[in-house]
N, C-alpha and C. Protein backbone atom coordinates (compact mmCIF):
# COMPACT_ATOMS: atom_id res chain seq x y z
N MET A 1 9.85 31.04 10.19
CA MET A 1 8.71 30.42 9.52
C MET A 1 9.22 29.57 8.37
N SER A 2 8.67 28.38 8.22
CA SER A 2 9.16 27.47 7.19
C SER A 2 8.49 27.74 5.85
N GLU A 3 9.17 27.33 4.81
CA GLU A 3 8.64 27.44 3.45
C GLU A 3 7.57 26.38 3.24
N THR A 4 6.48 26.75 2.64
CA THR A 4 5.42 25.79 2.34
C THR A 4 5.02 25.92 0.88
N PHE A 5 4.35 24.89 0.41
CA PHE A 5 3.82 24.90 -0.95
C PHE A 5 2.45 24.23 -0.90
N THR A 6 1.44 24.91 -1.42
CA THR A 6 0.10 24.35 -1.43
C THR A 6 -0.16 23.75 -2.80
N PHE A 7 -0.50 22.46 -2.79
CA PHE A 7 -0.76 21.73 -4.04
C PHE A 7 -2.05 20.94 -3.86
N GLU A 8 -3.00 21.17 -4.73
CA GLU A 8 -4.31 20.52 -4.70
C GLU A 8 -4.97 20.66 -3.33
N GLY A 9 -4.84 21.83 -2.73
CA GLY A 9 -5.48 22.11 -1.46
C GLY A 9 -4.74 21.59 -0.24
N ILE A 10 -3.59 20.96 -0.43
CA ILE A 10 -2.81 20.41 0.68
C ILE A 10 -1.55 21.25 0.84
N GLU A 11 -1.27 21.67 2.05
CA GLU A 11 -0.08 22.46 2.31
C GLU A 11 1.08 21.53 2.68
N PHE A 12 2.17 21.62 1.93
CA PHE A 12 3.36 20.80 2.16
C PHE A 12 4.46 21.67 2.74
N ASP A 13 5.09 21.20 3.80
CA ASP A 13 6.23 21.88 4.41
C ASP A 13 7.47 21.50 3.61
N LEU A 14 8.10 22.48 2.99
CA LEU A 14 9.27 22.19 2.15
C LEU A 14 10.55 22.04 2.96
N GLU A 15 10.50 22.31 4.24
CA GLU A 15 11.69 22.20 5.07
C GLU A 15 11.98 20.75 5.48
N ILE A 16 11.02 19.85 5.26
CA ILE A 16 11.23 18.44 5.60
C ILE A 16 11.33 17.62 4.32
N ALA A 17 11.91 16.44 4.44
CA ALA A 17 12.03 15.53 3.30
C ALA A 17 10.73 14.74 3.16
N TYR A 18 10.53 14.20 1.96
CA TYR A 18 9.36 13.36 1.69
C TYR A 18 9.85 12.06 1.07
N ARG A 19 9.15 10.97 1.39
CA ARG A 19 9.47 9.66 0.83
C ARG A 19 8.36 9.28 -0.13
N ASP A 20 8.75 8.79 -1.33
CA ASP A 20 7.74 8.36 -2.30
C ASP A 20 7.32 6.92 -2.01
N VAL A 21 6.43 6.38 -2.85
CA VAL A 21 5.90 5.04 -2.57
C VAL A 21 6.93 3.94 -2.70
N THR A 22 8.05 4.21 -3.36
CA THR A 22 9.09 3.19 -3.47
C THR A 22 10.16 3.33 -2.39
N GLY A 23 10.00 4.34 -1.52
CA GLY A 23 10.94 4.52 -0.43
C GLY A 23 12.05 5.51 -0.72
N VAL A 24 12.05 6.12 -1.89
CA VAL A 24 13.09 7.10 -2.23
C VAL A 24 12.77 8.41 -1.52
N GLU A 25 13.80 9.01 -0.94
CA GLU A 25 13.62 10.26 -0.20
C GLU A 25 13.92 11.46 -1.10
N TRP A 26 13.04 12.45 -1.03
CA TRP A 26 13.14 13.66 -1.84
C TRP A 26 13.17 14.87 -0.93
N GLN A 27 13.93 15.90 -1.32
CA GLN A 27 14.06 17.09 -0.51
C GLN A 27 14.01 18.32 -1.42
N TRP A 28 13.53 19.42 -0.89
CA TRP A 28 13.48 20.66 -1.64
C TRP A 28 14.89 21.17 -1.87
N SER A 29 15.19 21.56 -3.09
CA SER A 29 16.53 22.05 -3.43
C SER A 29 16.74 23.49 -2.98
N GLY A 30 15.68 24.17 -2.56
CA GLY A 30 15.79 25.57 -2.17
C GLY A 30 15.52 26.51 -3.34
N GLU A 31 15.25 25.91 -4.51
CA GLU A 31 15.01 26.72 -5.71
C GLU A 31 13.59 26.51 -6.19
N ARG A 32 13.13 27.44 -7.00
CA ARG A 32 11.80 27.37 -7.61
C ARG A 32 11.92 27.65 -9.10
N THR A 33 10.93 27.16 -9.85
CA THR A 33 10.86 27.48 -11.28
C THR A 33 10.38 28.92 -11.43
N PRO A 34 10.48 29.49 -12.64
CA PRO A 34 9.92 30.85 -12.85
C PRO A 34 8.43 30.94 -12.52
N GLU A 35 7.71 29.79 -12.60
CA GLU A 35 6.28 29.77 -12.26
C GLU A 35 6.06 29.66 -10.75
N GLY A 36 7.13 29.50 -9.97
CA GLY A 36 7.02 29.41 -8.52
C GLY A 36 6.91 28.00 -7.98
N LEU A 37 7.07 26.99 -8.84
CA LEU A 37 6.98 25.59 -8.38
C LEU A 37 8.30 25.18 -7.72
N PRO A 38 8.24 24.56 -6.55
CA PRO A 38 9.47 24.11 -5.88
C PRO A 38 10.14 22.99 -6.66
N LEU A 39 11.47 23.04 -6.71
CA LEU A 39 12.25 22.00 -7.36
C LEU A 39 12.76 21.04 -6.30
N MET A 40 12.45 19.75 -6.48
CA MET A 40 12.83 18.71 -5.54
C MET A 40 13.96 17.87 -6.13
N TRP A 41 14.83 17.34 -5.27
CA TRP A 41 15.89 16.44 -5.74
C TRP A 41 15.93 15.21 -4.86
N GLU A 42 16.38 14.12 -5.46
CA GLU A 42 16.47 12.85 -4.75
C GLU A 42 17.68 12.90 -3.84
N CYS A 43 17.47 12.68 -2.55
CA CYS A 43 18.59 12.77 -1.61
C CYS A 43 19.03 11.39 -1.13
N SER A 44 18.90 10.40 -2.00
CA SER A 44 19.33 9.05 -1.68
C SER A 44 20.84 8.95 -1.88
N HIS A 45 21.47 8.08 -1.12
CA HIS A 45 22.91 7.88 -1.28
C HIS A 45 23.25 7.23 -2.61
N LYS A 46 22.28 6.61 -3.25
CA LYS A 46 22.51 5.94 -4.53
C LYS A 46 22.45 6.91 -5.70
N SER A 47 21.86 8.08 -5.48
CA SER A 47 21.68 9.04 -6.56
C SER A 47 22.94 9.86 -6.76
N LEU A 48 23.55 9.71 -7.91
CA LEU A 48 24.72 10.52 -8.24
C LEU A 48 24.31 11.79 -8.97
N SER A 49 23.11 11.81 -9.45
CA SER A 49 22.60 12.94 -10.19
C SER A 49 21.98 13.95 -9.24
N HIS A 50 22.18 15.20 -9.52
CA HIS A 50 21.53 16.25 -8.74
C HIS A 50 20.47 16.92 -9.57
N SER A 51 19.86 16.15 -10.48
CA SER A 51 18.79 16.71 -11.30
C SER A 51 17.56 16.93 -10.42
N THR A 52 16.76 17.88 -10.83
CA THR A 52 15.59 18.24 -10.04
C THR A 52 14.31 17.95 -10.81
N ILE A 53 13.22 17.90 -10.07
CA ILE A 53 11.90 17.67 -10.63
C ILE A 53 10.95 18.60 -9.88
N THR A 54 9.96 19.13 -10.56
CA THR A 54 9.03 20.01 -9.87
C THR A 54 8.18 19.21 -8.90
N PHE A 55 7.72 19.88 -7.85
CA PHE A 55 6.92 19.21 -6.83
C PHE A 55 5.68 18.55 -7.43
N PRO A 56 4.89 19.24 -8.30
CA PRO A 56 3.71 18.57 -8.87
C PRO A 56 4.07 17.33 -9.69
N ASP A 57 5.16 17.40 -10.47
CA ASP A 57 5.57 16.22 -11.24
C ASP A 57 5.98 15.08 -10.32
N LEU A 58 6.71 15.42 -9.25
CA LEU A 58 7.10 14.40 -8.27
C LEU A 58 5.88 13.76 -7.65
N TYR A 59 4.91 14.58 -7.28
CA TYR A 59 3.69 14.09 -6.64
C TYR A 59 2.94 13.16 -7.58
N TRP A 60 2.80 13.54 -8.84
CA TRP A 60 2.01 12.72 -9.77
C TRP A 60 2.76 11.50 -10.27
N GLU A 61 4.06 11.57 -10.40
CA GLU A 61 4.83 10.44 -10.94
C GLU A 61 5.33 9.47 -9.87
N HIS A 62 5.52 9.96 -8.65
CA HIS A 62 6.10 9.11 -7.60
C HIS A 62 5.27 9.07 -6.32
N GLY A 63 4.17 9.79 -6.27
CA GLY A 63 3.38 9.93 -5.05
C GLY A 63 2.47 8.76 -4.79
N PRO A 64 1.78 8.78 -3.68
CA PRO A 64 1.72 9.88 -2.73
C PRO A 64 3.03 10.04 -1.96
N LEU A 65 3.25 11.23 -1.44
CA LEU A 65 4.48 11.55 -0.72
C LEU A 65 4.22 11.49 0.78
N ILE A 66 5.14 10.88 1.48
CA ILE A 66 5.01 10.68 2.93
C ILE A 66 6.06 11.55 3.62
N PRO A 67 5.66 12.43 4.54
CA PRO A 67 6.65 13.27 5.21
C PRO A 67 7.59 12.43 6.07
N VAL A 68 8.86 12.78 6.03
CA VAL A 68 9.87 12.09 6.83
C VAL A 68 10.20 13.02 7.99
N ARG A 69 9.80 12.62 9.19
CA ARG A 69 10.09 13.42 10.38
C ARG A 69 9.99 12.55 11.61
N GLU A 70 10.57 13.02 12.67
CA GLU A 70 10.49 12.32 13.95
C GLU A 70 9.08 12.48 14.50
N LEU A 71 8.53 11.41 15.04
CA LEU A 71 7.20 11.46 15.63
C LEU A 71 7.31 11.87 17.10
N SER A 72 6.40 12.72 17.49
CA SER A 72 6.37 13.17 18.88
C SER A 72 5.32 12.38 19.66
N GLY A 73 5.31 12.56 20.96
CA GLY A 73 4.28 11.93 21.79
C GLY A 73 2.90 12.40 21.39
N GLU A 74 2.79 13.65 20.97
CA GLU A 74 1.51 14.19 20.53
C GLU A 74 1.03 13.47 19.27
N ASP A 75 1.95 13.13 18.37
CA ASP A 75 1.57 12.38 17.16
C ASP A 75 0.98 11.02 17.54
N PHE A 76 1.60 10.34 18.51
CA PHE A 76 1.11 9.04 18.93
C PHE A 76 -0.26 9.17 19.61
N ARG A 77 -0.41 10.18 20.45
CA ARG A 77 -1.70 10.39 21.12
C ARG A 77 -2.80 10.70 20.11
N ALA A 78 -2.47 11.45 19.06
CA ALA A 78 -3.47 11.79 18.05
C ALA A 78 -3.89 10.56 17.25
N ALA A 79 -3.00 9.56 17.15
CA ALA A 79 -3.31 8.35 16.39
C ALA A 79 -4.21 7.39 17.16
N ILE A 80 -4.25 7.53 18.48
CA ILE A 80 -5.07 6.66 19.32
C ILE A 80 -6.42 7.33 19.55
N ASP A 81 -7.46 6.54 19.49
CA ASP A 81 -8.80 7.07 19.74
C ASP A 81 -8.84 7.69 21.13
N PRO A 82 -9.12 8.99 21.23
CA PRO A 82 -9.13 9.63 22.55
C PRO A 82 -10.26 9.13 23.43
N ASN A 83 -11.24 8.49 22.84
CA ASN A 83 -12.38 8.03 23.60
C ASN A 83 -12.39 6.50 23.67
N TYR A 84 -11.22 5.91 23.86
CA TYR A 84 -11.09 4.46 23.84
C TYR A 84 -11.95 3.80 24.92
N ALA A 85 -11.97 4.37 26.11
CA ALA A 85 -12.77 3.79 27.20
C ALA A 85 -14.24 3.77 26.84
N ALA A 86 -14.73 4.84 26.21
CA ALA A 86 -16.14 4.88 25.82
C ALA A 86 -16.42 3.87 24.71
N THR A 87 -15.45 3.66 23.83
CA THR A 87 -15.60 2.68 22.76
C THR A 87 -15.75 1.27 23.34
N VAL A 88 -14.92 0.94 24.32
CA VAL A 88 -14.99 -0.37 24.97
C VAL A 88 -16.31 -0.51 25.70
N ALA A 89 -16.71 0.53 26.43
CA ALA A 89 -17.96 0.48 27.19
C ALA A 89 -19.17 0.31 26.27
N ALA A 90 -19.10 0.85 25.06
CA ALA A 90 -20.22 0.74 24.12
C ALA A 90 -20.27 -0.64 23.48
N GLY A 91 -19.26 -1.47 23.72
CA GLY A 91 -19.29 -2.83 23.20
C GLY A 91 -18.74 -2.97 21.79
N TYR A 92 -17.93 -2.02 21.35
CA TYR A 92 -17.39 -2.10 20.00
C TYR A 92 -16.11 -2.92 19.93
N VAL A 93 -15.73 -3.55 21.03
CA VAL A 93 -14.54 -4.39 21.05
C VAL A 93 -15.02 -5.83 21.10
N GLU A 94 -14.54 -6.66 20.16
CA GLU A 94 -15.02 -8.04 20.12
C GLU A 94 -14.33 -8.91 21.16
N SER A 95 -15.00 -9.98 21.52
CA SER A 95 -14.46 -10.90 22.51
C SER A 95 -13.33 -11.71 21.88
N PRO A 96 -12.46 -12.30 22.70
CA PRO A 96 -11.40 -13.14 22.14
C PRO A 96 -11.95 -14.29 21.29
N ALA A 97 -13.09 -14.86 21.66
CA ALA A 97 -13.67 -15.96 20.87
C ALA A 97 -14.14 -15.45 19.50
N ALA A 98 -14.78 -14.27 19.50
CA ALA A 98 -15.24 -13.72 18.22
C ALA A 98 -14.06 -13.36 17.34
N PHE A 99 -13.00 -12.83 17.94
CA PHE A 99 -11.80 -12.50 17.18
C PHE A 99 -11.18 -13.76 16.58
N GLY A 100 -11.08 -14.82 17.39
CA GLY A 100 -10.51 -16.08 16.90
C GLY A 100 -11.32 -16.66 15.76
N ALA A 101 -12.66 -16.59 15.87
CA ALA A 101 -13.51 -17.10 14.80
C ALA A 101 -13.34 -16.28 13.53
N ARG A 102 -13.11 -14.97 13.69
CA ARG A 102 -12.99 -14.11 12.52
C ARG A 102 -11.67 -14.32 11.79
N ILE A 103 -10.60 -14.61 12.53
CA ILE A 103 -9.31 -14.74 11.86
C ILE A 103 -8.96 -16.17 11.47
N THR A 104 -9.75 -17.15 11.89
CA THR A 104 -9.48 -18.54 11.54
C THR A 104 -9.79 -18.73 10.06
N PRO A 105 -8.80 -19.18 9.29
CA PRO A 105 -9.05 -19.32 7.86
C PRO A 105 -10.04 -20.44 7.55
N VAL A 106 -10.84 -20.23 6.55
CA VAL A 106 -11.79 -21.23 6.07
C VAL A 106 -11.04 -22.09 5.06
N PRO A 107 -11.12 -23.42 5.17
CA PRO A 107 -10.39 -24.26 4.20
C PRO A 107 -10.87 -23.99 2.79
N ALA A 108 -9.91 -23.92 1.89
CA ALA A 108 -10.24 -23.66 0.49
C ALA A 108 -10.79 -24.94 -0.15
N LEU A 109 -11.72 -24.77 -1.04
CA LEU A 109 -12.26 -25.91 -1.77
C LEU A 109 -11.27 -26.35 -2.84
N THR A 110 -11.16 -27.64 -3.01
CA THR A 110 -10.29 -28.19 -4.05
C THR A 110 -11.16 -28.95 -5.04
N ALA A 111 -10.55 -29.48 -6.05
CA ALA A 111 -11.29 -30.24 -7.07
C ALA A 111 -11.96 -31.47 -6.47
N HIS A 112 -11.44 -31.98 -5.36
CA HIS A 112 -12.02 -33.17 -4.74
C HIS A 112 -13.37 -32.89 -4.08
N HIS A 113 -13.66 -31.62 -3.84
CA HIS A 113 -14.94 -31.24 -3.25
C HIS A 113 -16.05 -31.14 -4.29
N LEU A 114 -15.66 -31.14 -5.54
CA LEU A 114 -16.63 -30.93 -6.62
C LEU A 114 -17.11 -32.27 -7.18
N ASN A 115 -18.32 -32.29 -7.70
CA ASN A 115 -18.82 -33.49 -8.36
C ASN A 115 -18.01 -33.74 -9.62
N PRO A 116 -17.83 -35.01 -9.99
CA PRO A 116 -17.06 -35.29 -11.21
C PRO A 116 -17.77 -34.71 -12.43
N SER A 117 -16.97 -34.25 -13.33
CA SER A 117 -17.50 -33.66 -14.56
C SER A 117 -18.11 -34.75 -15.43
N PRO A 118 -19.25 -34.49 -16.07
CA PRO A 118 -19.81 -35.49 -16.98
C PRO A 118 -18.91 -35.71 -18.19
N MET A 119 -18.02 -34.79 -18.45
CA MET A 119 -17.10 -34.93 -19.58
C MET A 119 -15.80 -35.59 -19.17
N GLU A 120 -15.71 -36.03 -17.92
CA GLU A 120 -14.45 -36.52 -17.38
C GLU A 120 -13.83 -37.65 -18.22
N GLN A 121 -14.63 -38.65 -18.59
CA GLN A 121 -14.06 -39.80 -19.29
C GLN A 121 -14.53 -39.89 -20.73
N SER A 122 -14.98 -38.81 -21.28
CA SER A 122 -15.39 -38.84 -22.68
C SER A 122 -14.69 -37.72 -23.42
N GLY A 123 -14.82 -37.71 -24.69
CA GLY A 123 -14.24 -36.65 -25.49
C GLY A 123 -12.73 -36.67 -25.46
N PHE A 124 -12.16 -35.51 -25.51
CA PHE A 124 -10.72 -35.37 -25.61
C PHE A 124 -10.01 -35.92 -24.38
N ARG A 125 -10.59 -35.71 -23.19
CA ARG A 125 -9.97 -36.22 -21.98
C ARG A 125 -9.91 -37.75 -22.02
N GLY A 126 -10.98 -38.39 -22.52
CA GLY A 126 -10.98 -39.84 -22.65
C GLY A 126 -9.88 -40.31 -23.60
N PHE A 127 -9.71 -39.57 -24.69
CA PHE A 127 -8.64 -39.89 -25.63
C PHE A 127 -7.27 -39.79 -24.95
N LEU A 128 -7.06 -38.72 -24.17
CA LEU A 128 -5.78 -38.56 -23.48
C LEU A 128 -5.55 -39.69 -22.48
N ASN A 129 -6.62 -40.12 -21.80
CA ASN A 129 -6.48 -41.22 -20.85
C ASN A 129 -6.11 -42.52 -21.54
N THR A 130 -6.60 -42.75 -22.76
CA THR A 130 -6.22 -43.97 -23.48
C THR A 130 -4.77 -43.92 -23.89
N ILE A 131 -4.27 -42.75 -24.19
CA ILE A 131 -2.86 -42.62 -24.59
C ILE A 131 -1.94 -42.92 -23.40
N LYS A 132 -2.30 -42.41 -22.24
CA LYS A 132 -1.42 -42.62 -21.08
C LYS A 132 -1.68 -43.95 -20.40
N GLY A 133 -2.61 -44.75 -20.92
CA GLY A 133 -2.84 -46.09 -20.41
C GLY A 133 -3.85 -46.19 -19.30
N ALA A 134 -4.63 -45.15 -19.07
CA ALA A 134 -5.61 -45.21 -17.99
C ALA A 134 -6.79 -46.10 -18.35
N ARG A 135 -7.11 -46.18 -19.65
CA ARG A 135 -8.26 -46.98 -20.04
C ARG A 135 -7.86 -47.72 -21.33
N ARG A 136 -8.03 -49.00 -21.31
CA ARG A 136 -7.69 -49.81 -22.49
C ARG A 136 -8.99 -50.34 -23.08
N GLY A 137 -9.06 -50.25 -24.39
CA GLY A 137 -10.03 -50.77 -25.23
C GLY A 137 -11.35 -51.10 -24.98
């Protein structure tokens, strides 16, 4: 039976490594604090330090934590909707034309699409235009 640790209602298997959001891999050191918290260490090849951090601190400072393990065929089957045929039959799959219309980007508006500003040639902008030679006297 593997070692587990329950934190915030989630059971974590301590026998496997976990990857934090930056991609650093962490593993249980096999030790616990006097309070019973598992001590984790960074198992990256770049880490020369064997310092440890408690699991809750790791979770809050570097989480969420992603389990690192080989995926089985059962994992892939669980990720696919088991009722895919019924989903298609119910019409929840869009047509290629609808998909194309949905992913086609809408051209962004630029300043040329807007009406000219009433302040365009007066005030400070008008002064700047006279300096650069756009409007003479």
